[in-house]
Amino acid sequence: MSDDDDWYSPNRKPPVRKVATVPGEVIWTITVDHIEWSCEFRFHGESYGWDVRLIRAGDFFGSQRFILR
């Protein structure tokens, strides 16, 4: 096995970042001091439930997971 295959290798490339394929369902959007905030629901399957995400200026800010919508 070469050093490139080991997880502890100094030449190891970082993992590919996952990108959401389906956008969330936007619940509300508000602008405060020229910064846009929005809230969205995302469904992760029967086993994982729903995620409520806060988005600040297009970037992820925080989330909370719920079993039921």
PDB file of N, CA and C in Angstrom:
ATOM      1  N   MET A   1       0.837  -1.171   0.000  1.00  0.00           N
ATOM      2  CA  MET A   1       0.000   0.000   0.000  1.00  0.00           C
ATOM      3  C   MET A   1       0.888   1.242   0.000  1.00  0.00           C
ATOM      4  N   SER A   2       0.583   2.192  -0.854  1.00  0.00           N
ATOM      5  CA  SER A   2       1.393   3.401  -0.931  1.00  0.00           C
ATOM      6  C   SER A   2       0.942   4.421   0.109  1.00  0.00           C
ATOM      7  N   ASP A   3       1.745   5.433   0.314  1.00  0.00           N
ATOM      8  CA  ASP A   3       1.404   6.477   1.285  1.00  0.00           C
ATOM      9  C   ASP A   3       0.184   7.276   0.851  1.00  0.00           C
ATOM     10  N   ASP A   4      -0.110   7.328  -0.459  1.00  0.00           N
ATOM     11  CA  ASP A   4      -1.249   8.085  -0.943  1.00  0.00           C
ATOM     12  C   ASP A   4      -2.577   7.474  -0.503  1.00  0.00           C
ATOM     13  N   ASP A   5      -2.592   6.182  -0.190  1.00  0.00           N
ATOM     14  CA  ASP A   5      -3.825   5.502   0.190  1.00  0.00           C
ATOM     15  C   ASP A   5      -4.110   5.580   1.691  1.00  0.00           C
ATOM     16  N   ASP A   6      -3.137   5.954   2.492  1.00  0.00           N
ATOM     17  CA  ASP A   6      -3.307   5.971   3.945  1.00  0.00           C
ATOM     18  C   ASP A   6      -3.993   7.252   4.398  1.00  0.00           C
ATOM     19  N   TRP A   7      -4.869   7.153   5.391  1.00  0.00           N
ATOM     20  CA  TRP A   7      -5.585   8.321   5.892  1.00  0.00           C
ATOM     21  C   TRP A   7      -4.658   9.278   6.623  1.00  0.00           C
ATOM     22  N   TYR A   8      -3.517   8.811   7.082  1.00  0.00           N
ATOM     23  CA  TYR A   8      -2.578   9.652   7.831  1.00  0.00           C
ATOM     24  C   TYR A   8      -1.426  10.151   6.968  1.00  0.00           C
ATOM     25  N   SER A   9      -1.506   9.956   5.695  1.00  0.00           N
ATOM     26  CA  SER A   9      -0.438  10.361   4.787  1.00  0.00           C
ATOM     27  C   SER A   9      -0.322  11.885   4.710  1.00  0.00           C
ATOM     28  N   PRO A  10       0.900  12.426   4.671  1.00  0.00           N
ATOM     29  CA  PRO A  10       1.057  13.875   4.537  1.00  0.00           C
ATOM     30  C   PRO A  10       0.626  14.381   3.162  1.00  0.00           C
ATOM     31  N   ASN A  11       0.538  13.508   2.177  1.00  0.00           N
ATOM     32  CA  ASN A  11       0.149  13.906   0.822  1.00  0.00           C
ATOM     33  C   ASN A  11      -1.330  13.658   0.543  1.00  0.00           C
ATOM     34  N   ARG A  12      -2.068  13.291   1.556  1.00  0.00           N
ATOM     35  CA  ARG A  12      -3.477  12.965   1.387  1.00  0.00           C
ATOM     36  C   ARG A  12      -4.279  14.210   1.019  1.00  0.00           C
ATOM     37  N   LYS A  13      -5.173  14.056   0.059  1.00  0.00           N
ATOM     38  CA  LYS A  13      -6.042  15.159  -0.351  1.00  0.00           C
ATOM     39  C   LYS A  13      -7.254  15.212   0.582  1.00  0.00           C
ATOM     40  N   PRO A  14      -7.769  16.412   0.869  1.00  0.00           N
ATOM     41  CA  PRO A  14      -8.948  16.505   1.736  1.00  0.00           C
ATOM     42  C   PRO A  14     -10.156  15.893   1.048  1.00  0.00           C
ATOM     43  N   PRO A  15     -11.133  15.407   1.827  1.00  0.00           N
ATOM     44  CA  PRO A  15     -12.337  14.803   1.225  1.00  0.00           C
ATOM     45  C   PRO A  15     -13.137  15.854   0.464  1.00  0.00           C
ATOM     46  N   VAL A  16     -13.888  15.385  -0.507  1.00  0.00           N
ATOM     47  CA  VAL A  16     -14.723  16.270  -1.309  1.00  0.00           C
ATOM     48  C   VAL A  16     -15.903  16.730  -0.466  1.00  0.00           C
ATOM     49  N   ARG A  17     -16.181  18.024  -0.468  1.00  0.00           N
ATOM     50  CA  ARG A  17     -17.271  18.575   0.318  1.00  0.00           C
ATOM     51  C   ARG A  17     -18.608  18.248  -0.340  1.00  0.00           C
ATOM     52  N   LYS A  18     -19.559  17.775   0.453  1.00  0.00           N
ATOM     53  CA  LYS A  18     -20.875  17.436  -0.068  1.00  0.00           C
ATOM     54  C   LYS A  18     -21.660  18.711  -0.364  1.00  0.00           C
ATOM     55  N   VAL A  19     -22.354  18.692  -1.474  1.00  0.00           N
ATOM     56  CA  VAL A  19     -23.201  19.812  -1.864  1.00  0.00           C
ATOM     57  C   VAL A  19     -24.631  19.308  -1.940  1.00  0.00           C
ATOM     58  N   ALA A  20     -25.549  20.069  -1.356  1.00  0.00           N
ATOM     59  CA  ALA A  20     -26.951  19.665  -1.361  1.00  0.00           C
ATOM     60  C   ALA A  20     -27.478  19.628  -2.788  1.00  0.00           C
ATOM     61  N   THR A  21     -28.110  18.524  -3.144  1.00  0.00           N
ATOM     62  CA  THR A  21     -28.636  18.391  -4.499  1.00  0.00           C
ATOM     63  C   THR A  21     -30.047  18.954  -4.608  1.00  0.00           C
ATOM     64  N   VAL A  22     -30.791  18.913  -3.514  1.00  0.00           N
ATOM     65  CA  VAL A  22     -32.157  19.430  -3.518  1.00  0.00           C
ATOM     66  C   VAL A  22     -32.209  20.622  -2.568  1.00  0.00           C
ATOM     67  N   PRO A  23     -32.644  21.777  -3.042  1.00  0.00           N
ATOM     68  CA  PRO A  23     -32.726  22.922  -2.142  1.00  0.00           C
ATOM     69  C   PRO A  23     -33.810  22.722  -1.100  1.00  0.00           C
ATOM     70  N   GLY A  24     -33.645  23.396   0.026  1.00  0.00           N
ATOM     71  CA  GLY A  24     -34.645  23.291   1.079  1.00  0.00           C
ATOM     72  C   GLY A  24     -35.885  24.103   0.767  1.00  0.00           C
ATOM     73  N   GLU A  25     -36.924  23.869   1.537  1.00  0.00           N
ATOM     74  CA  GLU A  25     -38.179  24.604   1.399  1.00  0.00           C
ATOM     75  C   GLU A  25     -38.075  25.869   2.243  1.00  0.00           C
ATOM     76  N   VAL A  26     -37.996  27.030   1.603  1.00  0.00           N
ATOM     77  CA  VAL A  26     -37.830  28.298   2.312  1.00  0.00           C
ATOM     78  C   VAL A  26     -39.125  28.646   3.034  1.00  0.00           C
ATOM     79  N   ILE A  27     -39.031  28.900   4.343  1.00  0.00           N
ATOM     80  CA  ILE A  27     -40.182  29.210   5.172  1.00  0.00           C
ATOM     81  C   ILE A  27     -40.363  30.720   5.282  1.00  0.00           C
ATOM     82  N   TRP A  28     -39.295  31.434   5.582  1.00  0.00           N
ATOM     83  CA  TRP A  28     -39.357  32.890   5.639  1.00  0.00           C
ATOM     84  C   TRP A  28     -38.005  33.486   5.286  1.00  0.00           C
ATOM     85  N   THR A  29     -38.039  34.763   4.897  1.00  0.00           N
ATOM     86  CA  THR A  29     -36.841  35.531   4.586  1.00  0.00           C
ATOM     87  C   THR A  29     -37.043  36.939   5.134  1.00  0.00           C
ATOM     88  N   ILE A  30     -36.001  37.478   5.759  1.00  0.00           N
ATOM     89  CA  ILE A  30     -36.078  38.814   6.339  1.00  0.00           C
ATOM     90  C   ILE A  30     -34.735  39.510   6.123  1.00  0.00           C
ATOM     91  N   THR A  31     -34.769  40.830   5.975  1.00  0.00           N
ATOM     92  CA  THR A  31     -33.544  41.609   5.821  1.00  0.00           C
ATOM     93  C   THR A  31     -33.383  42.508   7.041  1.00  0.00           C
ATOM     94  N   VAL A  32     -32.229  42.374   7.716  1.00  0.00           N
ATOM     95  CA  VAL A  32     -31.919  43.169   8.896  1.00  0.00           C
ATOM     96  C   VAL A  32     -30.565  43.822   8.670  1.00  0.00           C
ATOM     97  N   ASP A  33     -30.510  45.147   8.717  1.00  0.00           N
ATOM     98  CA  ASP A  33     -29.258  45.898   8.511  1.00  0.00           C
ATOM     99  C   ASP A  33     -28.547  45.464   7.229  1.00  0.00           C
ATOM    100  N   HIS A  34     -29.295  45.345   6.141  1.00  0.00           N
ATOM    101  CA  HIS A  34     -28.785  44.981   4.810  1.00  0.00           C
ATOM    102  C   HIS A  34     -28.223  43.562   4.747  1.00  0.00           C
ATOM    103  N   ILE A  35     -28.562  42.721   5.707  1.00  0.00           N
ATOM    104  CA  ILE A  35     -28.149  41.311   5.699  1.00  0.00           C
ATOM    105  C   ILE A  35     -29.410  40.472   5.611  1.00  0.00           C
ATOM    106  N   GLU A  36     -29.458  39.568   4.625  1.00  0.00           N
ATOM    107  CA  GLU A  36     -30.631  38.728   4.434  1.00  0.00           C
ATOM    108  C   GLU A  36     -30.522  37.451   5.258  1.00  0.00           C
ATOM    109  N   TRP A  37     -31.537  37.187   6.061  1.00  0.00           N
ATOM    110  CA  TRP A  37     -31.655  35.969   6.846  1.00  0.00           C
ATOM    111  C   TRP A  37     -32.807  35.160   6.274  1.00  0.00           C
ATOM    112  N   SER A  38     -32.667  33.842   6.247  1.00  0.00           N
ATOM    113  CA  SER A  38     -33.777  33.001   5.810  1.00  0.00           C
ATOM    114  C   SER A  38     -33.783  31.710   6.623  1.00  0.00           C
ATOM    115  N   CYS A  39     -34.946  31.077   6.633  1.00  0.00           N
ATOM    116  CA  CYS A  39     -35.135  29.815   7.337  1.00  0.00           C
ATOM    117  C   CYS A  39     -35.681  28.820   6.331  1.00  0.00           C
ATOM    118  N   GLU A  40     -35.168  27.591   6.372  1.00  0.00           N
ATOM    119  CA  GLU A  40     -35.650  26.579   5.427  1.00  0.00           C
ATOM    120  C   GLU A  40     -35.742  25.217   6.096  1.00  0.00           C
ATOM    121  N   PHE A  41     -36.657  24.402   5.583  1.00  0.00           N
ATOM    122  CA  PHE A  41     -36.802  23.005   5.993  1.00  0.00           C
ATOM    123  C   PHE A  41     -36.049  22.124   4.997  1.00  0.00           C
ATOM    124  N   ARG A  42     -35.399  21.079   5.511  1.00  0.00           N
ATOM    125  CA  ARG A  42     -34.778  20.056   4.656  1.00  0.00           C
ATOM    126  C   ARG A  42     -35.163  18.694   5.211  1.00  0.00           C
ATOM    127  N   PHE A  43     -35.550  17.800   4.313  1.00  0.00           N
ATOM    128  CA  PHE A  43     -35.943  16.449   4.707  1.00  0.00           C
ATOM    129  C   PHE A  43     -34.785  15.494   4.443  1.00  0.00           C
ATOM    130  N   HIS A  44     -34.440  14.673   5.456  1.00  0.00           N
ATOM    131  CA  HIS A  44     -33.308  13.752   5.351  1.00  0.00           C
ATOM    132  C   HIS A  44     -33.725  12.289   5.355  1.00  0.00           C
ATOM    133  N   GLY A  45     -34.987  12.010   5.143  1.00  0.00           N
ATOM    134  CA  GLY A  45     -35.454  10.629   5.122  1.00  0.00           C
ATOM    135  C   GLY A  45     -36.205  10.269   6.383  1.00  0.00           C
ATOM    136  N   GLU A  46     -36.921   9.152   6.320  1.00  0.00           N
ATOM    137  CA  GLU A  46     -37.749   8.718   7.444  1.00  0.00           C
ATOM    138  C   GLU A  46     -36.946   8.519   8.730  1.00  0.00           C
ATOM    139  N   SER A  47     -35.746   8.018   8.624  1.00  0.00           N
ATOM    140  CA  SER A  47     -34.959   7.717   9.812  1.00  0.00           C
ATOM    141  C   SER A  47     -34.373   8.966  10.472  1.00  0.00           C
ATOM    142  N   TYR A  48     -34.128  10.008   9.704  1.00  0.00           N
ATOM    143  CA  TYR A  48     -33.425  11.173  10.224  1.00  0.00           C
ATOM    144  C   TYR A  48     -34.316  12.374  10.475  1.00  0.00           C
ATOM    145  N   GLY A  49     -35.434  12.476   9.811  1.00  0.00           N
ATOM    146  CA  GLY A  49     -36.370  13.555  10.063  1.00  0.00           C
ATOM    147  C   GLY A  49     -36.051  14.833   9.309  1.00  0.00           C
ATOM    148  N   TRP A  50     -36.429  15.956   9.908  1.00  0.00           N
ATOM    149  CA  TRP A  50     -36.332  17.267   9.282  1.00  0.00           C
ATOM    150  C   TRP A  50     -35.244  18.102   9.944  1.00  0.00           C
ATOM    151  N   ASP A  51     -34.672  18.988   9.160  1.00  0.00           N
ATOM    152  CA  ASP A  51     -33.685  19.947   9.626  1.00  0.00           C
ATOM    153  C   ASP A  51     -34.245  21.333   9.380  1.00  0.00           C
ATOM    154  N   VAL A  52     -34.196  22.206  10.373  1.00  0.00           N
ATOM    155  CA  VAL A  52     -34.537  23.617  10.189  1.00  0.00           C
ATOM    156  C   VAL A  52     -33.213  24.353  10.150  1.00  0.00           C
ATOM    157  N   ARG A  53     -32.934  25.035   9.046  1.00  0.00           N
ATOM    158  CA  ARG A  53     -31.643  25.708   8.880  1.00  0.00           C
ATOM    159  C   ARG A  53     -31.821  27.215   8.796  1.00  0.00           C
ATOM    160  N   LEU A  54     -30.921  27.928   9.453  1.00  0.00           N
ATOM    161  CA  LEU A  54     -30.859  29.376   9.334  1.00  0.00           C
ATOM    162  C   LEU A  54     -29.730  29.717   8.372  1.00  0.00           C
ATOM    163  N   ILE A  55     -30.041  30.569   7.410  1.00  0.00           N
ATOM    164  CA  ILE A  55     -29.076  30.981   6.397  1.00  0.00           C
ATOM    165  C   ILE A  55     -28.870  32.482   6.552  1.00  0.00           C
ATOM    166  N   ARG A  56     -27.617  32.921   6.686  1.00  0.00           N
ATOM    167  CA  ARG A  56     -27.288  34.338   6.825  1.00  0.00           C
ATOM    168  C   ARG A  56     -26.476  34.767   5.622  1.00  0.00           C
ATOM    169  N   ALA A  57     -27.012  35.663   4.826  1.00  0.00           N
ATOM    170  CA  ALA A  57     -26.338  36.197   3.632  1.00  0.00           C
ATOM    171  C   ALA A  57     -25.895  35.068   2.698  1.00  0.00           C
ATOM    172  N   GLY A  58     -26.717  34.034   2.573  1.00  0.00           N
ATOM    173  CA  GLY A  58     -26.423  32.934   1.669  1.00  0.00           C
ATOM    174  C   GLY A  58     -25.515  31.855   2.231  1.00  0.00           C
ATOM    175  N   ASP A  59     -25.020  32.024   3.463  1.00  0.00           N
ATOM    176  CA  ASP A  59     -24.140  31.044   4.102  1.00  0.00           C
ATOM    177  C   ASP A  59     -24.859  30.392   5.281  1.00  0.00           C
ATOM    178  N   PHE A  60     -24.529  29.129   5.533  1.00  0.00           N
ATOM    179  CA  PHE A  60     -25.115  28.387   6.644  1.00  0.00           C
ATOM    180  C   PHE A  60     -24.760  29.067   7.964  1.00  0.00           C
ATOM    181  N   PHE A  61     -25.768  29.223   8.848  1.00  0.00           N
ATOM    182  CA  PHE A  61     -25.541  29.858  10.151  1.00  0.00           C
ATOM    183  C   PHE A  61     -25.756  28.869  11.295  1.00  0.00           C
ATOM    184  N   GLY A  62     -26.832  28.078  11.244  1.00  0.00           N
ATOM    185  CA  GLY A  62     -27.127  27.128  12.303  1.00  0.00           C
ATOM    186  C   GLY A  62     -28.314  26.262  11.927  1.00  0.00           C
ATOM    187  N   SER A  63     -28.514  25.170  12.703  1.00  0.00           N
ATOM    188  CA  SER A  63     -29.636  24.294  12.390  1.00  0.00           C
ATOM    189  C   SER A  63     -30.112  23.561  13.630  1.00  0.00           C
ATOM    190  N   GLN A  64     -31.293  22.995  13.524  1.00  0.00           N
ATOM    191  CA  GLN A  64     -31.878  22.161  14.569  1.00  0.00           C
ATOM    192  C   GLN A  64     -32.615  21.020  13.880  1.00  0.00           C
ATOM    193  N   ARG A  65     -32.411  19.807  14.353  1.00  0.00           N
ATOM    194  CA  ARG A  65     -33.054  18.637  13.749  1.00  0.00           C
ATOM    195  C   ARG A  65     -34.285  18.245  14.556  1.00  0.00           C
ATOM    196  N   PHE A  66     -35.365  17.883  13.820  1.00  0.00           N
ATOM    197  CA  PHE A  66     -36.623  17.456  14.414  1.00  0.00           C
ATOM    198  C   PHE A  66     -37.056  16.145  13.769  1.00  0.00           C
ATOM    199  N   ILE A  67     -37.690  15.276  14.543  1.00  0.00           N
ATOM    200  CA  ILE A  67     -38.165  13.999  14.019  1.00  0.00           C
ATOM    201  C   ILE A  67     -39.401  14.226  13.145  1.00  0.00           C
ATOM    202  N   LEU A  68     -40.307  15.071  13.615  1.00  0.00           N
ATOM    203  CA  LEU A  68     -41.535  15.364  12.888  1.00  0.00           C
ATOM    204  C   LEU A  68     -41.492  16.772  12.318  1.00  0.00           C
ATOM    205  N   ARG A  69     -42.200  16.981  11.234  1.00  0.00           N
ATOM    206  CA  ARG A  69     -42.254  18.315  10.644  1.00  0.00           C
ATOM    207  C   ARG A  69     -43.165  19.182  11.470  1.00  0.00           C
TER     208      ARG A  69
END
